[in-house]
Amino acid sequence: MATTDRDTLDAQLFGHETRVSYSGRAVGYALVAMRLTMGWILLQGGVTKLVTYLDGTPTNDWTAAGFLQNAIPAGNPLADTFAAMAGIPAVDMLVVWGLTLTGVGLVLGAFVRWNAFWGAVMMLIFWAASLQGGVAAGLPVAHGYVVDSHLVYAALLFGLGAFGAGRVLGVDAALEPALTERVPPLRYLLG
């Protein structure tokens, strides 16, 4: 007798019942691959900025100011807001440590829901910085129409958090049972 590696997902989406058949094994591999890939992208970006920030050579110091003052596309409805953030050390630290720590968390599979949420927020802010003409102009962005890599990353991070991808070959598999038994609301941050 043959066994099958098929599971079903029943969900209600936009008022409609839906049932999807899928391979649990394939989904597990896909979640680990997406978590590690996204984690590495964020970790690499954060560490690169951190190393150049701590370099000590004024010409090599990384700061968000150059981007915030010069790279926001013309017509961006938030251009003045982003320009006002240029040169604020807390903004630099939020970008550097946000990327680095979110990347570490995803690579390790630790506090994935927490990391995925804040990573998605960060990606949505980066996406907003790439808007060229604003909502009224059809949302063109610097590298596409409406959708660019930041929006794709935000959606991927949302999916990783929704699936609790840290439980699949990640630290959350051990953390979640131990911590949520003591503090039940932590289940919303783990996974």
C-alpha atoms as a PDB file:
ATOM      1  CA  MET A   1       0.000   0.000   0.000  1.00  0.00           C
ATOM      2  CA  ALA A   2       1.419   3.388  -1.003  1.00  0.00           C
ATOM      3  CA  THR A   3       1.387   6.305   1.374  1.00  0.00           C
ATOM      4  CA  THR A   4       0.825   9.840   0.266  1.00  0.00           C
ATOM      5  CA  ASP A   5       2.528  13.006   1.449  1.00  0.00           C
ATOM      6  CA  ARG A   6      -0.522  15.201   0.775  1.00  0.00           C
ATOM      7  CA  ASP A   7      -2.259  17.525   3.177  1.00  0.00           C
ATOM      8  CA  THR A   8      -5.111  19.958   2.698  1.00  0.00           C
ATOM      9  CA  LEU A   9      -5.539  23.526   3.768  1.00  0.00           C
ATOM     10  CA  ASP A  10      -9.062  24.823   4.246  1.00  0.00           C
ATOM     11  CA  ALA A  11      -9.314  28.600   4.409  1.00  0.00           C
ATOM     12  CA  GLN A  12     -11.791  31.361   3.877  1.00  0.00           C
ATOM     13  CA  LEU A  13     -10.351  34.061   1.632  1.00  0.00           C
ATOM     14  CA  PHE A  14     -12.294  37.175   0.699  1.00  0.00           C
ATOM     15  CA  GLY A  15     -15.544  35.482   1.722  1.00  0.00           C
ATOM     16  CA  HIS A  16     -14.952  32.315  -0.282  1.00  0.00           C
ATOM     17  CA  GLU A  17     -14.150  28.876   1.025  1.00  0.00           C
ATOM     18  CA  THR A  18     -11.062  27.372  -0.541  1.00  0.00           C
ATOM     19  CA  ARG A  19      -9.345  24.026  -0.221  1.00  0.00           C
ATOM     20  CA  VAL A  20      -5.785  23.452  -1.383  1.00  0.00           C
ATOM     21  CA  SER A  21      -3.995  20.125  -1.531  1.00  0.00           C
ATOM     22  CA  TYR A  22      -0.237  20.316  -0.994  1.00  0.00           C
ATOM     23  CA  SER A  23       2.827  18.289  -0.134  1.00  0.00           C
ATOM     24  CA  GLY A  24       3.814  18.895   3.475  1.00  0.00           C
ATOM     25  CA  ARG A  25       7.393  17.841   2.767  1.00  0.00           C
ATOM     26  CA  ALA A  26       7.734  20.250  -0.167  1.00  0.00           C
ATOM     27  CA  VAL A  27       6.232  23.099   1.865  1.00  0.00           C
ATOM     28  CA  GLY A  28       8.695  22.378   4.677  1.00  0.00           C
ATOM     29  CA  TYR A  29      11.670  22.565   2.313  1.00  0.00           C
ATOM     30  CA  ALA A  30      10.260  25.692   0.666  1.00  0.00           C
ATOM     31  CA  LEU A  31       9.768  27.449   4.021  1.00  0.00           C
ATOM     32  CA  VAL A  32      13.313  26.674   5.133  1.00  0.00           C
ATOM     33  CA  ALA A  33      14.733  27.814   1.779  1.00  0.00           C
ATOM     34  CA  MET A  34      12.714  31.061   1.798  1.00  0.00           C
ATOM     35  CA  ARG A  35      13.545  31.766   5.453  1.00  0.00           C
ATOM     36  CA  LEU A  36      17.274  31.212   4.935  1.00  0.00           C
ATOM     37  CA  THR A  37      17.364  33.165   1.674  1.00  0.00           C
ATOM     38  CA  MET A  38      15.462  36.158   3.046  1.00  0.00           C
ATOM     39  CA  GLY A  39      17.442  36.022   6.285  1.00  0.00           C
ATOM     40  CA  TRP A  40      20.718  36.012   4.379  1.00  0.00           C
ATOM     41  CA  ILE A  41      19.665  38.969   2.195  1.00  0.00           C
ATOM     42  CA  LEU A  42      18.787  41.048   5.263  1.00  0.00           C
ATOM     43  CA  LEU A  43      21.795  39.907   7.299  1.00  0.00           C
ATOM     44  CA  GLN A  44      24.188  40.632   4.448  1.00  0.00           C
ATOM     45  CA  GLY A  45      22.718  44.111   3.931  1.00  0.00           C
ATOM     46  CA  GLY A  46      22.873  44.913   7.637  1.00  0.00           C
ATOM     47  CA  VAL A  47      26.389  43.590   8.234  1.00  0.00           C
ATOM     48  CA  THR A  48      27.722  45.408   5.167  1.00  0.00           C
ATOM     49  CA  LYS A  49      26.292  48.676   6.451  1.00  0.00           C
ATOM     50  CA  LEU A  50      27.487  47.963  10.003  1.00  0.00           C
ATOM     51  CA  VAL A  51      31.062  47.228   8.903  1.00  0.00           C
ATOM     52  CA  THR A  52      31.274  50.408   6.818  1.00  0.00           C
ATOM     53  CA  TYR A  53      29.570  52.391   9.598  1.00  0.00           C
ATOM     54  CA  LEU A  54      32.153  51.213  12.131  1.00  0.00           C
ATOM     55  CA  ASP A  55      35.077  51.536   9.695  1.00  0.00           C
ATOM     56  CA  GLY A  56      36.150  54.854  11.184  1.00  0.00           C
ATOM     57  CA  THR A  57      37.106  56.288   7.803  1.00  0.00           C
ATOM     58  CA  PRO A  58      34.804  59.277   7.236  1.00  0.00           C
ATOM     59  CA  THR A  59      34.674  58.696   3.472  1.00  0.00           C
ATOM     60  CA  ASN A  60      33.583  55.071   3.937  1.00  0.00           C
ATOM     61  CA  ASP A  61      31.079  55.527   6.766  1.00  0.00           C
ATOM     62  CA  TRP A  62      27.663  54.267   5.759  1.00  0.00           C
ATOM     63  CA  THR A  63      24.726  56.517   6.452  1.00  0.00           C
ATOM     64  CA  ALA A  64      21.189  56.642   5.150  1.00  0.00           C
ATOM     65  CA  ALA A  65      21.532  60.400   4.593  1.00  0.00           C
ATOM     66  CA  GLY A  66      22.828  60.106   1.023  1.00  0.00           C
ATOM     67  CA  PHE A  67      19.889  57.973  -0.009  1.00  0.00           C
ATOM     68  CA  LEU A  68      17.334  60.020   1.898  1.00  0.00           C
ATOM     69  CA  GLN A  69      18.547  63.312   0.429  1.00  0.00           C
ATOM     70  CA  ASN A  70      19.423  62.295  -3.116  1.00  0.00           C
ATOM     71  CA  ALA A  71      17.859  58.997  -4.182  1.00  0.00           C
ATOM     72  CA  ILE A  72      14.177  59.524  -3.425  1.00  0.00           C
ATOM     73  CA  PRO A  73      12.516  59.772  -6.865  1.00  0.00           C
ATOM     74  CA  ALA A  74      11.034  63.073  -7.986  1.00  0.00           C
ATOM     75  CA  GLY A  75       7.343  63.312  -7.232  1.00  0.00           C
ATOM     76  CA  ASN A  76       7.468  61.010  -4.205  1.00  0.00           C
ATOM     77  CA  PRO A  77       4.719  62.262  -1.875  1.00  0.00           C
ATOM     78  CA  LEU A  78       6.912  61.461   1.149  1.00  0.00           C
ATOM     79  CA  ALA A  79      10.118  63.065  -0.170  1.00  0.00           C
ATOM     80  CA  ASP A  80      10.111  65.853   2.424  1.00  0.00           C
ATOM     81  CA  THR A  81       9.542  63.358   5.251  1.00  0.00           C
ATOM     82  CA  PHE A  82      12.409  61.148   4.102  1.00  0.00           C
ATOM     83  CA  ALA A  83      14.716  64.164   3.588  1.00  0.00           C
ATOM     84  CA  ALA A  84      13.955  65.330   7.145  1.00  0.00           C
ATOM     85  CA  MET A  85      15.201  61.958   8.452  1.00  0.00           C
ATOM     86  CA  ALA A  86      18.590  62.359   6.743  1.00  0.00           C
ATOM     87  CA  GLY A  87      21.470  62.725   9.170  1.00  0.00           C
ATOM     88  CA  ILE A  88      19.584  61.426  12.206  1.00  0.00           C
ATOM     89  CA  PRO A  89      21.830  58.780  13.816  1.00  0.00           C
ATOM     90  CA  ALA A  90      18.813  56.853  15.168  1.00  0.00           C
ATOM     91  CA  VAL A  91      17.579  56.318  11.589  1.00  0.00           C
ATOM     92  CA  ASP A  92      20.963  54.888  10.604  1.00  0.00           C
ATOM     93  CA  MET A  93      20.977  52.578  13.616  1.00  0.00           C
ATOM     94  CA  LEU A  94      17.405  51.417  12.974  1.00  0.00           C
ATOM     95  CA  VAL A  95      18.324  50.462   9.403  1.00  0.00           C
ATOM     96  CA  VAL A  96      21.643  48.803  10.319  1.00  0.00           C
ATOM     97  CA  TRP A  97      20.422  46.879  13.348  1.00  0.00           C
ATOM     98  CA  GLY A  98      16.967  46.229  11.908  1.00  0.00           C
ATOM     99  CA  LEU A  99      18.459  44.512   8.867  1.00  0.00           C
ATOM    100  CA  THR A 100      21.138  42.684  10.866  1.00  0.00           C
ATOM    101  CA  LEU A 101      18.986  41.388  13.721  1.00  0.00           C
ATOM    102  CA  THR A 102      16.049  40.499  11.488  1.00  0.00           C
ATOM    103  CA  GLY A 103      18.452  38.585   9.256  1.00  0.00           C
ATOM    104  CA  VAL A 104      20.002  36.725  12.202  1.00  0.00           C
ATOM    105  CA  GLY A 105      16.567  35.828  13.553  1.00  0.00           C
ATOM    106  CA  LEU A 106      15.408  34.465  10.215  1.00  0.00           C
ATOM    107  CA  VAL A 107      18.597  32.485   9.556  1.00  0.00           C
ATOM    108  CA  LEU A 108      18.391  30.911  13.014  1.00  0.00           C
ATOM    109  CA  GLY A 109      14.624  30.530  12.864  1.00  0.00           C
ATOM    110  CA  ALA A 110      14.288  32.479  16.121  1.00  0.00           C
ATOM    111  CA  PHE A 111      11.304  34.732  16.878  1.00  0.00           C
ATOM    112  CA  VAL A 112      10.357  34.462  13.205  1.00  0.00           C
ATOM    113  CA  ARG A 113       6.908  36.036  13.525  1.00  0.00           C
ATOM    114  CA  TRP A 114       8.380  39.072  15.319  1.00  0.00           C
ATOM    115  CA  ASN A 115      11.252  39.351  12.849  1.00  0.00           C
ATOM    116  CA  ALA A 116       9.036  38.799   9.815  1.00  0.00           C
ATOM    117  CA  PHE A 117       6.588  41.488  10.945  1.00  0.00           C
ATOM    118  CA  TRP A 118       9.259  44.152  11.505  1.00  0.00           C
ATOM    119  CA  GLY A 119      11.148  43.091   8.397  1.00  0.00           C
ATOM    120  CA  ALA A 120       7.958  43.534   6.360  1.00  0.00           C
ATOM    121  CA  VAL A 121       7.376  46.977   7.903  1.00  0.00           C
ATOM    122  CA  MET A 122      10.949  47.943   7.004  1.00  0.00           C
ATOM    123  CA  MET A 123      10.487  46.708   3.427  1.00  0.00           C
ATOM    124  CA  LEU A 124       7.225  48.679   3.091  1.00  0.00           C
ATOM    125  CA  ILE A 125       9.046  51.837   4.225  1.00  0.00           C
ATOM    126  CA  PHE A 126      11.809  51.171   1.677  1.00  0.00           C
ATOM    127  CA  TRP A 127       9.107  50.597  -0.957  1.00  0.00           C
ATOM    128  CA  ALA A 128       7.433  53.904  -0.047  1.00  0.00           C
ATOM    129  CA  ALA A 129      10.793  55.619  -0.578  1.00  0.00           C
ATOM    130  CA  SER A 130      10.854  54.315  -4.155  1.00  0.00           C
ATOM    131  CA  LEU A 131       7.479  55.824  -5.142  1.00  0.00           C
ATOM    132  CA  GLN A 132       7.938  58.230  -8.026  1.00  0.00           C
ATOM    133  CA  GLY A 133       4.623  59.907  -8.573  1.00  0.00           C
ATOM    134  CA  GLY A 134       2.465  58.949  -5.652  1.00  0.00           C
ATOM    135  CA  VAL A 135      -0.904  57.248  -5.551  1.00  0.00           C
ATOM    136  CA  ALA A 136      -2.585  59.650  -7.963  1.00  0.00           C
ATOM    137  CA  ALA A 137       0.076  59.028 -10.607  1.00  0.00           C
ATOM    138  CA  GLY A 138      -0.413  55.260 -10.623  1.00  0.00           C
ATOM    139  CA  LEU A 139       2.308  54.349  -8.140  1.00  0.00           C
ATOM    140  CA  PRO A 140       5.287  53.960 -10.441  1.00  0.00           C
ATOM    141  CA  VAL A 141       8.319  52.862  -8.457  1.00  0.00           C
ATOM    142  CA  ALA A 142      11.999  53.119  -9.313  1.00  0.00           C
ATOM    143  CA  HIS A 143      12.307  49.514 -10.548  1.00  0.00           C
ATOM    144  CA  GLY A 144       8.847  48.562 -11.797  1.00  0.00           C
ATOM    145  CA  TYR A 145       5.179  49.455 -11.842  1.00  0.00           C
ATOM    146  CA  VAL A 146       3.728  49.281  -8.328  1.00  0.00           C
ATOM    147  CA  VAL A 147       5.645  46.112  -7.414  1.00  0.00           C
ATOM    148  CA  ASP A 148       9.385  46.132  -6.834  1.00  0.00           C
ATOM    149  CA  SER A 149      11.692  43.875  -4.832  1.00  0.00           C
ATOM    150  CA  HIS A 150      10.801  45.551  -1.530  1.00  0.00           C
ATOM    151  CA  LEU A 151       7.133  44.718  -1.954  1.00  0.00           C
ATOM    152  CA  VAL A 152       8.033  41.136  -2.896  1.00  0.00           C
ATOM    153  CA  TYR A 153      10.231  40.872   0.218  1.00  0.00           C
ATOM    154  CA  ALA A 154       7.417  42.267   2.391  1.00  0.00           C
ATOM    155  CA  ALA A 155       4.985  39.657   1.022  1.00  0.00           C
ATOM    156  CA  LEU A 156       7.520  36.862   1.502  1.00  0.00           C
ATOM    157  CA  LEU A 157       8.167  37.967   5.091  1.00  0.00           C
ATOM    158  CA  PHE A 158       4.416  38.076   5.737  1.00  0.00           C
ATOM    159  CA  GLY A 159       4.160  34.500   4.469  1.00  0.00           C
ATOM    160  CA  LEU A 160       7.066  33.299   6.617  1.00  0.00           C
ATOM    161  CA  GLY A 161       5.433  34.791   9.686  1.00  0.00           C
ATOM    162  CA  ALA A 162       1.989  33.444   8.805  1.00  0.00           C
ATOM    163  CA  PHE A 163       3.361  29.909   8.432  1.00  0.00           C
ATOM    164  CA  GLY A 164       5.468  30.130  11.586  1.00  0.00           C
ATOM    165  CA  ALA A 165       8.508  29.176   9.511  1.00  0.00           C
ATOM    166  CA  GLY A 166      10.810  29.223  12.542  1.00  0.00           C
ATOM    167  CA  ARG A 167       9.298  25.929  13.663  1.00  0.00           C
ATOM    168  CA  VAL A 168      10.660  24.185  10.572  1.00  0.00           C
ATOM    169  CA  LEU A 169      14.324  23.389  11.279  1.00  0.00           C
ATOM    170  CA  GLY A 170      14.616  26.563  13.354  1.00  0.00           C
ATOM    171  CA  VAL A 171      15.213  27.592  16.951  1.00  0.00           C
ATOM    172  CA  ASP A 172      11.507  28.359  17.388  1.00  0.00           C
ATOM    173  CA  ALA A 173      10.792  24.611  17.358  1.00  0.00           C
ATOM    174  CA  ALA A 174      12.420  24.427  20.812  1.00  0.00           C
ATOM    175  CA  LEU A 175      11.692  27.979  22.000  1.00  0.00           C
ATOM    176  CA  GLU A 176       7.976  28.009  21.351  1.00  0.00           C
ATOM    177  CA  PRO A 177       6.892  25.131  23.593  1.00  0.00           C
ATOM    178  CA  ALA A 178       9.216  26.196  26.410  1.00  0.00           C
ATOM    179  CA  LEU A 179       8.333  29.894  26.391  1.00  0.00           C
ATOM    180  CA  THR A 180       4.625  29.791  25.553  1.00  0.00           C
ATOM    181  CA  GLU A 181       3.961  27.399  28.400  1.00  0.00           C
ATOM    182  CA  ARG A 182       5.230  30.060  30.805  1.00  0.00           C
ATOM    183  CA  VAL A 183       3.972  33.122  28.893  1.00  0.00           C
ATOM    184  CA  PRO A 184       1.113  32.164  26.500  1.00  0.00           C
ATOM    185  CA  PRO A 185       0.970  35.510  24.592  1.00  0.00           C
ATOM    186  CA  LEU A 186       4.499  34.843  23.306  1.00  0.00           C
ATOM    187  CA  ARG A 187       2.993  32.437  20.780  1.00  0.00           C
ATOM    188  CA  TYR A 188       2.211  35.511  18.658  1.00  0.00           C
ATOM    189  CA  LEU A 189       5.923  36.406  18.483  1.00  0.00           C
ATOM    190  CA  LEU A 190       7.295  32.917  17.934  1.00  0.00           C
ATOM    191  CA  GLY A 191       7.043  30.494  15.082  1.00  0.00           C
END
